[in-house]
N, C-alpha and C. Protein backbone atom coordinates (compact mmCIF):
# COMPACT_ATOMS: atom_id res chain seq x y z
N MET A 1 0.59 -1.36 0.13
CA MET A 1 -0.03 -0.40 0.03
C MET A 1 1.23 1.21 -0.45
N ILE A 2 0.75 2.34 -0.91
CA ILE A 2 1.06 3.75 -0.91
C ILE A 2 0.60 4.24 0.60
N ASN A 3 1.71 5.07 0.45
CA ASN A 3 1.56 6.22 1.69
C ASN A 3 0.57 7.62 1.39
N ASP A 4 -0.29 7.56 0.92
CA ASP A 4 -1.09 8.64 0.32
C ASP A 4 -1.40 9.62 1.46
N LYS A 5 -1.78 8.95 2.76
CA LYS A 5 -1.92 10.27 3.65
C LYS A 5 -0.73 11.29 3.86
N GLY A 6 -0.24 11.15 3.72
CA GLY A 6 1.30 11.81 3.93
C GLY A 6 1.82 11.41 5.12
N HIS A 7 1.63 10.74 6.09
CA HIS A 7 2.62 10.17 7.43
C HIS A 7 4.03 10.21 7.00
N PRO A 8 4.22 10.55 8.22
CA PRO A 8 5.56 11.23 7.81
C PRO A 8 6.14 9.28 7.97
N ASP A 9 7.60 9.23 7.65
CA ASP A 9 8.60 8.01 6.58
C ASP A 9 9.31 7.44 8.60
N ARG A 10 9.71 8.39 9.11
CA ARG A 10 10.36 7.23 10.17
C ARG A 10 9.59 7.82 11.49
N HIS A 11 9.45 7.09 12.44
CA HIS A 11 8.68 7.30 13.31
C HIS A 11 9.74 6.97 15.03
N HIS A 12 9.64 8.00 16.51
CA HIS A 12 10.40 6.92 17.21
C HIS A 12 8.97 7.13 18.32
N GLU A 13 8.44 5.89 18.98
CA GLU A 13 7.66 5.89 19.56
C GLU A 13 8.38 5.06 21.01
N GLU A 14 7.67 5.85 22.01
CA GLU A 14 8.63 5.29 23.00
C GLU A 14 6.91 4.40 23.74
N VAL A 15 7.55 2.79 24.07
CA VAL A 15 6.26 2.03 24.68
C VAL A 15 6.69 1.25 26.10
N ALA A 16 5.97 1.52 26.80
CA ALA A 16 7.18 1.06 28.22
C ALA A 16 7.25 -0.80 28.87
N VAL A 17 7.84 -0.56 29.10
CA VAL A 17 8.47 -2.14 29.44
C VAL A 17 7.23 -3.13 29.57
N GLY A 18 6.52 -4.26 28.49
CA GLY A 18 5.10 -4.73 29.17
C GLY A 18 4.21 -4.08 28.76
N GLN A 19 4.92 -3.11 27.98
CA GLN A 19 3.12 -2.71 26.68
C GLN A 19 3.67 -3.90 25.81
N THR A 20 2.47 -3.62 24.99
CA THR A 20 2.30 -4.48 23.69
C THR A 20 1.37 -3.72 22.53
N VAL A 21 1.93 -3.02 21.49
CA VAL A 21 1.52 -2.07 20.56
C VAL A 21 1.65 -3.06 19.10
N ALA A 22 0.36 -2.32 18.13
CA ALA A 22 0.77 -2.92 17.03
C ALA A 22 0.47 -2.11 16.11
N ILE A 23 1.93 -1.66 15.76
CA ILE A 23 2.60 -0.97 14.59
C ILE A 23 1.78 -1.05 12.35
N CYS A 24 1.06 -0.01 12.58
CA CYS A 24 0.67 -0.27 11.21
C CYS A 24 1.64 -0.56 9.84
N ARG A 25 1.40 -1.19 8.96
CA ARG A 25 2.00 -1.56 8.03
C ARG A 25 1.62 -1.24 6.75
N CYS A 26 -0.20 -1.18 6.57
CA CYS A 26 -0.86 -0.77 5.73
C CYS A 26 -0.51 0.80 5.35
N TRP A 27 -0.13 1.94 5.81
CA TRP A 27 -0.29 3.11 5.66
C TRP A 27 -1.36 3.61 5.81
N GLN A 28 -2.39 2.93 6.12
CA GLN A 28 -3.83 4.01 6.25
C GLN A 28 -4.70 4.00 7.32
N SER A 29 -4.07 4.26 8.65
CA SER A 29 -4.45 3.87 9.92
C SER A 29 -5.10 5.41 9.97
N GLU A 30 -5.71 5.79 10.58
CA GLU A 30 -5.96 7.14 10.71
C GLU A 30 -5.32 7.23 12.78
N LYS A 31 -4.91 6.24 12.97
CA LYS A 31 -4.52 6.30 14.56
C LYS A 31 -2.73 6.18 13.65
N PHE A 32 -2.36 5.96 12.31
CA PHE A 32 -0.88 6.26 12.52
C PHE A 32 0.03 6.27 13.08
N PRO A 33 1.02 6.15 13.86
CA PRO A 33 2.18 4.89 13.91
C PRO A 33 0.94 3.28 13.75
N TYR A 34 0.28 3.98 14.74
CA TYR A 34 -0.29 2.14 15.09
C TYR A 34 -1.72 1.92 14.28
N CYS A 35 -2.14 0.38 14.30
CA CYS A 35 -3.13 -0.30 13.84
C CYS A 35 -4.34 0.43 13.94
N ASP A 36 -4.87 0.50 13.17
CA ASP A 36 -6.75 0.83 13.85
C ASP A 36 -7.56 -0.04 13.35
N GLY A 37 -6.76 -1.61 12.86
CA GLY A 37 -7.57 -2.03 12.15
C GLY A 37 -8.10 -2.16 10.43
N THR A 38 -7.37 -1.03 9.76
CA THR A 38 -8.02 -0.78 8.61
C THR A 38 -7.55 -1.83 7.01
N HIS A 39 -5.83 -1.96 7.62
CA HIS A 39 -6.31 -2.89 6.50
C HIS A 39 -6.69 -4.11 6.36
N ARG A 40 -7.46 -4.84 7.25
CA ARG A 40 -9.13 -5.49 7.67
C ARG A 40 -10.24 -5.30 5.66
N LYS A 41 -10.16 -4.23 5.55
CA LYS A 41 -10.67 -3.66 4.47
C LYS A 41 -9.64 -3.50 3.25
N ILE A 42 -8.86 -3.23 3.40
CA ILE A 42 -7.69 -3.43 1.89
C ILE A 42 -7.65 -4.47 1.62
N ASN A 43 -7.57 -5.46 2.72
CA ASN A 43 -7.51 -7.03 2.36
C ASN A 43 -8.18 -7.38 1.34
N ALA A 44 -9.81 -7.38 1.85
CA ALA A 44 -10.49 -7.71 1.80
C ALA A 44 -10.89 -7.61 0.23
N GLU A 45 -10.34 -5.97 -0.21
CA GLU A 45 -10.93 -5.17 -1.49
C GLU A 45 -9.72 -5.84 -2.27
N THR A 46 -8.61 -5.73 -1.81
CA THR A 46 -7.34 -6.55 -2.40
C THR A 46 -6.99 -8.03 -2.88
N GLY A 47 -6.79 -8.28 -1.84
CA GLY A 47 -6.74 -9.60 -1.72
C GLY A 47 -4.81 -9.54 -1.54
N ASP A 48 -4.59 -8.38 -0.79
CA ASP A 48 -3.26 -8.48 -0.16
C ASP A 48 -3.12 -8.97 1.70
N LYS A 49 -2.02 -9.76 1.80
CA LYS A 49 -2.58 -10.23 3.93
C LYS A 49 -2.37 -9.11 4.09
N VAL A 50 -1.45 -8.10 4.47
CA VAL A 50 -1.31 -7.51 5.28
C VAL A 50 -1.29 -7.07 6.54
N GLY A 51 -0.94 -7.17 7.64
CA GLY A 51 -1.49 -6.91 9.07
C GLY A 51 -0.16 -5.98 9.56
N PRO A 52 -1.04 -5.76 10.90
CA PRO A 52 0.11 -5.00 12.11
C PRO A 52 1.46 -5.75 12.19
N ALA A 53 2.36 -5.01 12.94
CA ALA A 53 3.62 -5.61 12.93
C ALA A 53 3.44 -5.82 14.60
N ILE A 54 3.33 -6.53 15.12
CA ILE A 54 2.92 -6.22 17.13
C ILE A 54 4.55 -5.82 17.69
N VAL A 55 4.23 -5.17 18.59
CA VAL A 55 5.62 -5.03 19.31
C VAL A 55 5.75 -5.50 20.54
N LYS A 56 6.87 -5.63 21.45
CA LYS A 56 6.36 -5.81 22.91
C LYS A 56 7.38 -4.89 23.89
N ALA A 57 7.57 -4.56 24.01
CA ALA A 57 8.49 -3.40 24.81
C ALA A 57 9.23 -4.62 26.27
N VAL A 58 9.95 -4.38 25.75
CA VAL A 58 10.84 -5.78 27.55
C VAL A 58 12.20 -5.07 27.90
N ALA A 59 12.70 -5.65 28.61
CA ALA A 59 13.12 -4.74 29.76
C ALA A 59 15.09 -4.93 29.61
N GLU A 60 15.84 -4.24 29.28
CA GLU A 60 17.23 -4.35 28.44
C GLU A 60 17.96 -5.33 29.42
């Protein structure tokens, strides 16, 4: 999917230790850079199988 919403190409997001977040990979989320489930509609329309990147912060 193309970044046609003008989202920034790079992000620095802080996630608390133990927190799990879903990061958008379809570039269409209204909550970008976080996933809002928009990929489901896109997948149904295009046959793609893109989904979010699930990230869990752990202590170093």
